[in-house]
Amino acid sequence: MAEDTASGRRVGVRVTPAGLRAVRGGEPWLFDGSITSATPPDLPSGSVAIVFDDRRRVAGVGLWDPDSPIRVKMLHGGGSVTVDAAFWLTRLRAALERRRSLIDDPDTTAWRWVHGENDGLPGLVVDRYADTLVIKCYTAAWVPHLDDVLAALVDLGAPERIVIRHSRRIGEAFPYADGETVRGAAPTGPVVFRERGLTMAADVVSGHKTGHFLDQRDNRALVRSAAEGCRVLDVFSATGGFALAAAAGGATSVHLVDVSQPALDTAMANLARNRHISGVAACDVATTRGDAFAVLERFAADGREYDLVILDPPSFAQNAASVPNALEAYERLARLGIRLTAEGGTLVQASCSSRVDVDQLAEALRLATRGTGRRVRERRRTAHPIDHPIGFAQGGYLKALYVEVAASVAGTKN
């Protein structure tokens, strides 16, 4: 594939002073508005882009993406580099070594190998589930380089199979169907893996993202450590990772809420896989399918209470313009969660919106106490796990707040 596509072609790129500062500062994105000229201008996606400074020196190298406002996905800043099979092998080996402590844990067999821009590979994600690798491409710029990337993954990781996923936006430009197995035998069902000693499974062919939310692994472990004797509410439960962790940690009951019945079915299957664990076997499990806000309103009206409430919604802020509405949604969600948390209980409020920082999330949670007769005391903040490194300013998206919920002191303003 690589020899007769864009991988051997080069486009020379001239940029504005601001664009040059971004390249020299290690930014992974060069936007179309920062480009003053591209020669030749009509090369296909995946061509190697050479960015020049005002003295015709090479300032950086990236992948050309003419169909995206992020016109160049930067691979290297500070001079020239050869983009070939050896380059991908070196970059993938470095990413692997950053995760060595996690890889060497025999109780965890699922982890993120490549975290896109944060590992110097913009628009590319590689997750490992036991002996299966799942590649997720977010840009067609990777198409000319896939053969070399696949060869490097096989060389370094020796997987049993490799499955390709890609975003709908680039579907027509992609040579493989979404969910296609490109090495080894196609999976006949969910791929089973272990996380901190718990057995789970991921639908790597048609599940959301690559099949599982690996980034919440550390928070699931914290929930497990805090769940003994608790009544637990897991909202936006997805594949049930938090509910399973709580049950394994000794929760007396877990109640899962999600809008997707297939997700709830997967969650129940994951709980069933761990019935040999005494805590899981003894835990009472209930599920409710529906819109989380509507379900929580109903639960609050019914006077329900839980000792541990986990709120892990999808991103509410898809762009900068949506941030105000997102903050309102986080505040509304937190207010419902506070109402449902028993006095002295714990509320976990998570966010995967990169445009909402942890202080904004904390302020939304504080504002949510108004009118509830409750107050919150922050106990802990968490961020990214080791296999989801933050390599640039916009690379941090995950955050979670752990707060104790208590009755308001008379006369105290929230």
Protein backbone atom coordinates (compact mmCIF):
# COMPACT_ATOMS: atom_id res chain seq x y z
CA MET A 1 0.00 0.00 0.00
CA ALA A 2 2.65 2.52 1.08
CA GLU A 3 4.61 2.60 -2.17
CA ASP A 4 1.77 3.69 -4.46
CA THR A 5 0.07 6.22 -2.19
CA ALA A 6 0.88 9.54 -0.58
CA SER A 7 3.53 8.24 1.81
CA GLY A 8 6.35 8.97 -0.65
CA ARG A 9 5.14 12.46 -1.53
CA ARG A 10 6.13 15.74 0.07
CA VAL A 11 4.36 19.07 0.41
CA GLY A 12 6.26 22.20 1.39
CA VAL A 13 4.36 24.36 3.87
CA ARG A 14 4.92 28.02 4.73
CA VAL A 15 3.24 29.38 7.84
CA THR A 16 2.39 32.58 9.70
CA PRO A 17 4.56 33.71 12.62
CA ALA A 18 1.93 32.32 15.01
CA GLY A 19 1.97 29.01 13.17
CA LEU A 20 5.75 28.88 13.35
CA ARG A 21 5.63 29.51 17.10
CA ALA A 22 3.16 26.66 17.46
CA VAL A 23 5.41 24.27 15.55
CA ARG A 24 8.51 25.29 17.48
CA GLY A 25 6.53 25.04 20.73
CA GLY A 26 5.72 21.40 20.09
CA GLU A 27 2.02 21.85 19.28
CA PRO A 28 0.64 18.78 17.47
CA TRP A 29 -1.85 20.73 15.33
CA LEU A 30 -1.19 23.21 12.54
CA PHE A 31 -4.47 24.80 11.47
CA ASP A 32 -5.36 25.90 7.96
CA GLY A 33 -5.49 29.55 9.04
CA SER A 34 -1.80 29.39 9.97
CA ILE A 35 -0.72 28.22 6.51
CA THR A 36 0.27 30.86 3.93
CA SER A 37 1.22 28.45 1.12
CA ALA A 38 1.52 24.75 0.32
CA THR A 39 3.50 23.42 -2.64
CA PRO A 40 2.17 21.44 -4.41
CA PRO A 41 -1.26 22.29 -2.98
CA ASP A 42 -3.19 19.27 -4.26
CA LEU A 43 -1.38 16.30 -2.74
CA PRO A 44 -3.58 13.65 -1.06
CA SER A 45 -4.10 13.10 2.63
CA GLY A 46 -1.17 11.43 4.32
CA SER A 47 1.52 13.13 2.26
CA VAL A 48 4.47 14.20 4.39
CA ALA A 49 4.32 17.93 5.13
CA ILE A 50 7.60 19.79 5.53
CA VAL A 51 7.11 23.05 7.45
CA PHE A 52 9.63 25.79 6.65
CA ASP A 53 10.50 28.91 8.59
CA ASP A 54 11.08 32.35 7.02
CA ARG A 55 14.71 31.43 6.25
CA ARG A 56 13.73 28.26 4.36
CA ARG A 57 14.95 26.05 7.18
CA VAL A 58 12.92 23.01 8.16
CA ALA A 59 10.95 23.80 11.31
CA GLY A 60 9.00 20.56 11.56
CA VAL A 61 7.45 17.57 9.84
CA GLY A 62 3.89 16.24 9.88
CA LEU A 63 1.12 14.53 7.93
CA TRP A 64 -0.84 16.56 5.39
CA ASP A 65 -4.63 16.46 5.82
CA PRO A 66 -6.32 18.70 3.20
CA ASP A 67 -9.83 17.70 4.30
CA SER A 68 -9.43 18.91 7.88
CA PRO A 69 -9.09 22.38 9.44
CA ILE A 70 -6.14 20.82 11.29
CA ARG A 71 -4.24 20.85 8.03
CA VAL A 72 -1.00 19.32 9.34
CA LYS A 73 -0.82 16.70 12.07
CA MET A 74 2.64 17.41 13.45
CA LEU A 75 5.00 14.50 14.06
CA HIS A 76 8.21 16.35 14.81
CA GLY A 77 9.28 19.89 15.62
CA GLY A 78 12.71 21.46 15.63
CA GLY A 79 14.12 20.28 12.32
CA SER A 80 13.90 17.52 9.77
CA VAL A 81 13.16 13.83 10.23
CA THR A 82 12.63 10.94 7.84
CA VAL A 83 9.12 9.49 8.04
CA ASP A 84 9.50 5.82 7.17
CA ALA A 85 9.03 2.36 8.67
CA ALA A 86 11.90 2.90 11.10
CA PHE A 87 10.32 6.14 12.32
CA TRP A 88 7.01 4.44 13.19
CA LEU A 89 8.83 1.56 14.89
CA THR A 90 10.82 3.97 17.07
CA ARG A 91 7.77 6.05 17.97
CA LEU A 92 5.67 2.99 18.86
CA ARG A 93 8.49 1.46 20.92
CA ALA A 94 8.81 4.68 22.93
CA ALA A 95 5.06 4.68 23.62
CA LEU A 96 5.27 1.09 24.79
CA GLU A 97 8.09 1.84 27.21
CA ARG A 98 6.13 4.69 28.81
CA ARG A 99 3.58 2.11 29.92
CA ARG A 100 6.04 -0.52 31.14
CA SER A 101 4.88 -0.52 34.77
CA LEU A 102 1.30 -1.17 33.67
CA ILE A 103 2.23 -3.74 31.04
CA ASP A 104 4.18 -5.74 33.64
CA ASP A 105 1.09 -6.06 35.90
CA PRO A 106 -0.23 -9.64 35.39
CA ASP A 107 -3.65 -8.67 36.78
CA THR A 108 -4.22 -6.07 34.04
CA THR A 109 -4.21 -7.15 30.39
CA ALA A 110 -5.90 -4.13 28.80
CA TRP A 111 -4.23 -0.78 28.29
CA ARG A 112 -3.77 2.03 25.78
CA TRP A 113 -0.61 1.69 23.75
CA VAL A 114 -0.96 4.88 21.69
CA HIS A 115 -2.78 7.96 22.95
CA GLY A 116 -2.79 10.03 19.76
CA GLU A 117 -1.16 13.45 19.88
CA ASN A 118 0.06 12.83 23.42
CA ASP A 119 2.36 10.08 22.12
CA GLY A 120 3.43 12.04 19.06
CA LEU A 121 1.04 10.16 16.74
CA PRO A 122 -1.83 12.60 16.06
CA GLY A 123 -5.20 11.08 15.27
CA LEU A 124 -4.13 7.53 16.06
CA VAL A 125 -5.20 5.39 19.04
CA VAL A 126 -4.08 1.83 19.75
CA ASP A 127 -5.64 -0.14 22.60
CA ARG A 128 -4.68 -3.64 23.70
CA TYR A 129 -7.20 -6.13 25.08
CA ALA A 130 -5.32 -9.32 26.02
CA ASP A 131 -3.98 -10.63 22.67
CA THR A 132 -6.07 -8.27 20.53
CA LEU A 133 -4.97 -4.85 19.31
CA VAL A 134 -7.57 -2.29 18.25
CA ILE A 135 -6.43 0.59 16.06
CA LYS A 136 -8.69 3.64 15.89
CA CYS A 137 -7.95 6.20 13.18
CA TYR A 138 -9.45 9.68 13.38
CA THR A 139 -7.93 10.98 10.16
CA ALA A 140 -7.41 9.60 6.66
CA ALA A 141 -3.82 10.89 6.87
CA TRP A 142 -2.92 7.52 8.37
CA VAL A 143 -4.10 5.50 5.38
CA PRO A 144 -0.80 5.58 3.40
CA HIS A 145 1.16 4.61 6.50
CA LEU A 146 -1.01 1.80 7.87
CA ASP A 147 1.10 -1.02 6.45
CA ASP A 148 4.21 0.27 8.20
CA VAL A 149 2.31 0.90 11.44
CA LEU A 150 0.79 -2.59 11.37
CA ALA A 151 4.20 -4.15 10.77
CA ALA A 152 5.67 -2.25 13.73
CA LEU A 153 2.80 -3.26 16.02
CA VAL A 154 3.27 -6.91 15.10
CA ASP A 155 7.03 -6.67 15.58
CA LEU A 156 6.74 -5.05 19.01
CA GLY A 157 3.54 -6.57 20.38
CA ALA A 158 3.05 -9.97 18.66
CA PRO A 159 -0.76 -9.72 18.87
CA GLU A 160 -3.05 -12.61 17.99
CA ARG A 161 -5.23 -10.25 15.96
CA ILE A 162 -5.55 -6.62 14.95
CA VAL A 163 -8.90 -4.90 14.44
CA ILE A 164 -9.26 -1.57 12.64
CA ARG A 165 -11.77 1.07 13.72
CA HIS A 166 -12.20 4.52 12.23
CA SER A 167 -14.38 7.58 12.65
CA ARG A 168 -17.44 7.93 10.43
CA ARG A 169 -16.07 11.17 8.99
CA ILE A 170 -13.33 9.35 7.09
CA GLY A 171 -15.26 6.18 6.26
CA GLU A 172 -15.26 6.58 2.46
CA ALA A 173 -11.54 7.31 2.35
CA PHE A 174 -10.61 4.29 4.41
CA PRO A 175 -9.49 1.01 2.78
CA TYR A 176 -10.94 -1.15 5.56
CA ALA A 177 -14.45 -1.45 6.93
CA ASP A 178 -14.96 -0.23 10.48
CA GLY A 179 -14.40 -3.24 12.75
CA GLU A 180 -12.53 -5.26 10.13
CA THR A 181 -9.90 -7.70 11.33
CA VAL A 182 -6.68 -7.12 9.38
CA ARG A 183 -4.51 -9.71 11.10
CA GLY A 184 -5.46 -13.08 12.58
CA ALA A 185 -8.92 -14.55 12.92
CA ALA A 186 -11.85 -12.21 13.45
CA PRO A 187 -13.21 -12.32 17.02
CA THR A 188 -16.33 -14.45 17.41
CA GLY A 189 -17.60 -12.37 20.33
CA PRO A 190 -16.42 -9.89 22.95
CA VAL A 191 -12.71 -10.03 23.78
CA VAL A 192 -12.11 -11.04 27.40
CA PHE A 193 -9.46 -9.22 29.43
CA ARG A 194 -8.50 -8.50 33.03
CA GLU A 195 -8.44 -5.20 34.93
CA ARG A 196 -6.90 -5.21 38.39
CA GLY A 197 -7.89 -8.86 38.76
CA LEU A 198 -11.47 -8.42 37.50
CA THR A 199 -12.61 -10.15 34.30
CA MET A 200 -14.32 -8.01 31.67
CA ALA A 201 -15.02 -8.13 27.95
CA ALA A 202 -15.00 -5.54 25.17
CA ASP A 203 -16.88 -5.50 21.87
CA VAL A 204 -13.91 -4.41 19.79
CA VAL A 205 -15.79 -4.68 16.48
CA SER A 206 -18.82 -2.46 17.07
CA GLY A 207 -18.55 -1.16 20.64
CA HIS A 208 -18.13 2.53 21.45
CA LYS A 209 -14.61 3.86 20.77
CA THR A 210 -12.49 0.70 20.89
CA GLY A 211 -14.92 -1.26 23.08
CA HIS A 212 -14.16 -0.11 26.63
CA PHE A 213 -13.25 3.02 28.59
CA LEU A 214 -9.71 2.23 29.67
CA ASP A 215 -9.09 5.75 30.95
CA GLN A 216 -11.25 5.24 34.07
CA ARG A 217 -9.22 2.28 35.35
CA ASP A 218 -7.68 4.17 38.28
CA ASN A 219 -10.99 5.73 39.31
CA ARG A 220 -12.64 2.31 39.24
CA ALA A 221 -9.94 1.08 41.61
CA LEU A 222 -10.63 4.00 43.96
CA VAL A 223 -14.35 3.24 43.91
CA ARG A 224 -13.60 -0.38 44.72
CA SER A 225 -11.55 0.65 47.74
CA ALA A 226 -14.38 2.87 49.04
CA ALA A 227 -17.41 0.69 48.35
CA GLU A 228 -17.53 -1.74 51.28
CA GLY A 229 -20.98 -1.75 52.85
CA CYS A 230 -22.29 0.93 50.46
CA ARG A 231 -25.42 1.31 48.42
CA VAL A 232 -24.02 2.41 45.06
CA LEU A 233 -25.58 4.30 42.16
CA ASP A 234 -23.64 4.10 38.87
CA VAL A 235 -24.99 6.68 36.40
CA PHE A 236 -23.97 6.53 32.71
CA SER A 237 -22.83 3.04 33.62
CA ALA A 238 -21.82 2.01 30.08
CA THR A 239 -20.16 -1.43 30.28
CA GLY A 240 -20.44 -1.52 34.07
CA GLY A 241 -16.86 -0.96 35.10
CA PHE A 242 -17.69 1.15 38.14
CA ALA A 243 -20.56 -1.12 39.22
CA LEU A 244 -18.34 -4.20 38.98
CA ALA A 245 -15.54 -2.51 40.92
CA ALA A 246 -17.98 -1.46 43.65
CA ALA A 247 -19.47 -4.94 43.91
CA ALA A 248 -16.00 -6.50 44.12
CA GLY A 249 -15.20 -3.98 46.84
CA GLY A 250 -18.05 -5.17 49.04
CA ALA A 251 -20.97 -2.91 48.09
CA THR A 252 -24.27 -4.23 49.39
CA SER A 253 -26.07 -3.09 46.23
CA VAL A 254 -25.35 -1.45 42.89
CA HIS A 255 -27.89 0.27 40.65
CA LEU A 256 -26.84 0.93 37.06
CA VAL A 257 -28.42 3.67 34.93
CA ASP A 258 -27.79 4.03 31.20
CA VAL A 259 -29.75 5.03 28.12
CA SER A 260 -28.44 2.02 26.17
CA GLN A 261 -29.90 -1.43 26.73
CA PRO A 262 -26.95 -3.13 24.96
CA ALA A 263 -24.60 -1.32 27.36
CA LEU A 264 -26.60 -2.53 30.35
CA ASP A 265 -26.59 -6.08 28.93
CA THR A 266 -22.79 -5.88 28.60
CA ALA A 267 -22.53 -4.59 32.16
CA MET A 268 -24.61 -7.47 33.49
CA ALA A 269 -22.45 -9.92 31.56
CA ASN A 270 -19.33 -8.39 33.09
CA LEU A 271 -20.80 -8.77 36.58
CA ALA A 272 -21.72 -12.39 35.81
CA ARG A 273 -18.13 -13.12 34.75
CA ASN A 274 -17.01 -12.29 38.30
CA ARG A 275 -19.59 -14.18 40.37
CA HIS A 276 -16.76 -16.29 41.77
CA ILE A 277 -15.77 -13.20 43.79
CA SER A 278 -17.69 -13.27 47.06
CA GLY A 279 -18.49 -9.55 47.03
CA VAL A 280 -19.91 -9.71 43.52
CA ALA A 281 -21.97 -12.80 44.31
CA ALA A 282 -23.46 -11.19 47.42
CA CYS A 283 -24.22 -7.80 45.85
CA ASP A 284 -27.80 -6.92 44.89
CA VAL A 285 -27.86 -5.59 41.32
CA ALA A 286 -30.52 -3.48 39.62
CA THR A 287 -30.60 -1.66 36.29
CA THR A 288 -32.67 1.18 34.86
CA ARG A 289 -32.66 2.11 31.21
CA GLY A 290 -33.42 5.75 30.42
CA ASP A 291 -32.19 9.30 30.12
CA ALA A 292 -29.97 9.89 33.14
CA PHE A 293 -31.42 13.28 34.04
CA ALA A 294 -35.00 12.01 33.89
CA VAL A 295 -34.17 8.88 35.87
CA LEU A 296 -32.36 10.84 38.58
CA GLU A 297 -35.23 13.29 38.86
CA ARG A 298 -37.57 10.36 39.44
CA PHE A 299 -35.25 8.73 41.96
CA ALA A 300 -34.91 12.00 43.88
CA ALA A 301 -38.69 12.48 43.92
CA ASP A 302 -39.00 8.96 45.32
CA GLY A 303 -36.64 9.88 48.18
CA ARG A 304 -33.98 7.33 47.27
CA GLU A 305 -30.53 7.60 48.84
CA TYR A 306 -27.18 6.00 48.12
CA ASP A 307 -23.91 5.98 50.03
CA LEU A 308 -21.79 6.25 46.88
CA VAL A 309 -22.97 7.98 43.69
CA ILE A 310 -20.86 7.91 40.51
CA LEU A 311 -21.63 10.37 37.70
CA ASP A 312 -19.54 9.65 34.60
CA PRO A 313 -21.28 11.34 31.66
CA PRO A 314 -20.12 11.65 28.06
CA SER A 315 -18.57 14.93 27.00
CA PHE A 316 -20.97 17.86 27.33
CA ALA A 317 -18.66 20.34 25.52
CA GLN A 318 -17.92 19.39 21.93
CA ASN A 319 -16.59 22.85 21.09
CA ALA A 320 -15.76 26.16 22.78
CA ALA A 321 -19.21 27.60 22.11
CA SER A 322 -20.85 24.76 24.03
CA VAL A 323 -18.94 25.32 27.29
CA PRO A 324 -21.58 27.50 29.03
CA ASN A 325 -24.30 24.93 28.33
CA ALA A 326 -21.96 22.16 29.41
CA LEU A 327 -21.31 23.85 32.76
CA GLU A 328 -25.05 24.19 33.29
CA ALA A 329 -25.46 20.47 32.53
CA TYR A 330 -22.70 19.52 34.99
CA GLU A 331 -24.31 21.71 37.65
CA ARG A 332 -27.75 20.18 37.07
CA LEU A 333 -26.31 16.67 37.12
CA ALA A 334 -24.35 17.36 40.30
CA ARG A 335 -27.43 18.80 42.01
CA LEU A 336 -29.34 15.60 41.31
CA GLY A 337 -26.40 13.52 42.49
CA ILE A 338 -26.16 15.52 45.73
CA ARG A 339 -29.86 15.02 46.41
CA LEU A 340 -29.42 11.27 46.00
CA THR A 341 -26.29 10.97 48.18
CA ALA A 342 -26.93 10.03 51.81
CA GLU A 343 -25.53 12.31 54.50
CA GLY A 344 -21.87 11.44 54.96
CA GLY A 345 -21.83 9.66 51.60
CA THR A 346 -19.51 10.19 48.65
CA LEU A 347 -20.29 11.72 45.26
CA VAL A 348 -17.89 11.10 42.38
CA GLN A 349 -18.30 13.65 39.58
CA ALA A 350 -16.28 12.89 36.44
CA SER A 351 -15.86 14.81 33.21
CA CYS A 352 -14.23 13.92 29.89
CA SER A 353 -14.78 17.39 28.37
CA SER A 354 -11.35 18.78 27.51
CA ARG A 355 -12.75 22.32 27.31
CA VAL A 356 -13.97 22.19 30.92
CA ASP A 357 -11.14 22.24 33.44
CA VAL A 358 -11.22 20.76 36.92
CA ASP A 359 -11.71 24.12 38.64
CA GLN A 360 -14.76 24.85 36.48
CA LEU A 361 -16.12 21.41 37.32
CA ALA A 362 -15.55 22.06 41.02
CA GLU A 363 -17.34 25.40 40.78
CA ALA A 364 -20.29 23.76 39.03
CA LEU A 365 -20.43 21.23 41.84
CA ARG A 366 -20.31 23.97 44.47
CA LEU A 367 -23.11 25.89 42.78
CA ALA A 368 -25.13 22.69 42.61
CA THR A 369 -25.52 22.67 46.40
CA ARG A 370 -27.76 25.76 46.31
CA GLY A 371 -31.26 24.88 47.40
CA THR A 372 -30.40 21.30 48.33
CA GLY A 373 -29.84 21.83 52.05
CA ARG A 374 -26.49 20.12 51.57
CA ARG A 375 -22.86 21.09 51.44
CA VAL A 376 -19.92 19.28 49.90
CA ARG A 377 -16.37 18.83 51.11
CA GLU A 378 -13.84 18.00 48.43
CA ARG A 379 -11.71 14.99 49.29
CA ARG A 380 -9.79 14.18 46.16
CA ARG A 381 -9.09 15.12 42.54
CA THR A 382 -7.90 12.66 39.93
CA ALA A 383 -6.80 12.92 36.31
CA HIS A 384 -5.25 10.71 33.66
CA PRO A 385 -3.88 7.19 34.20
CA ILE A 386 -0.36 6.31 33.07
CA ASP A 387 -1.43 4.96 29.67
CA HIS A 388 -3.25 8.20 28.81
CA PRO A 389 -0.37 10.71 29.10
CA ILE A 390 -0.83 14.45 28.60
CA GLY A 391 1.63 15.62 25.98
CA PHE A 392 0.36 19.10 25.16
CA ALA A 393 -1.81 21.85 26.62
CA GLN A 394 -5.10 20.58 25.19
CA GLY A 395 -4.27 16.94 25.83
CA GLY A 396 -5.80 16.80 29.31
CA TYR A 397 -9.48 15.92 29.23
CA LEU A 398 -10.26 13.53 32.09
CA LYS A 399 -10.89 14.73 35.63
CA ALA A 400 -12.89 13.52 38.60
CA LEU A 401 -13.87 15.04 41.93
CA TYR A 402 -14.55 12.99 45.06
CA VAL A 403 -16.65 14.92 47.57
CA GLU A 404 -18.29 14.13 50.88
CA VAL A 405 -21.91 15.24 51.04
CA ALA A 406 -23.22 16.53 54.36
CA ALA A 407 -26.16 18.53 55.67
CA SER A 408 -25.70 22.29 55.59
CA VAL A 409 -24.88 24.04 58.84
CA ALA A 410 -27.78 26.30 59.82
CA GLY A 411 -27.21 29.83 58.55
CA THR A 412 -24.38 28.81 56.22
CA LYS A 413 -24.61 29.94 52.61
CA ASN A 414 -23.66 27.44 49.91
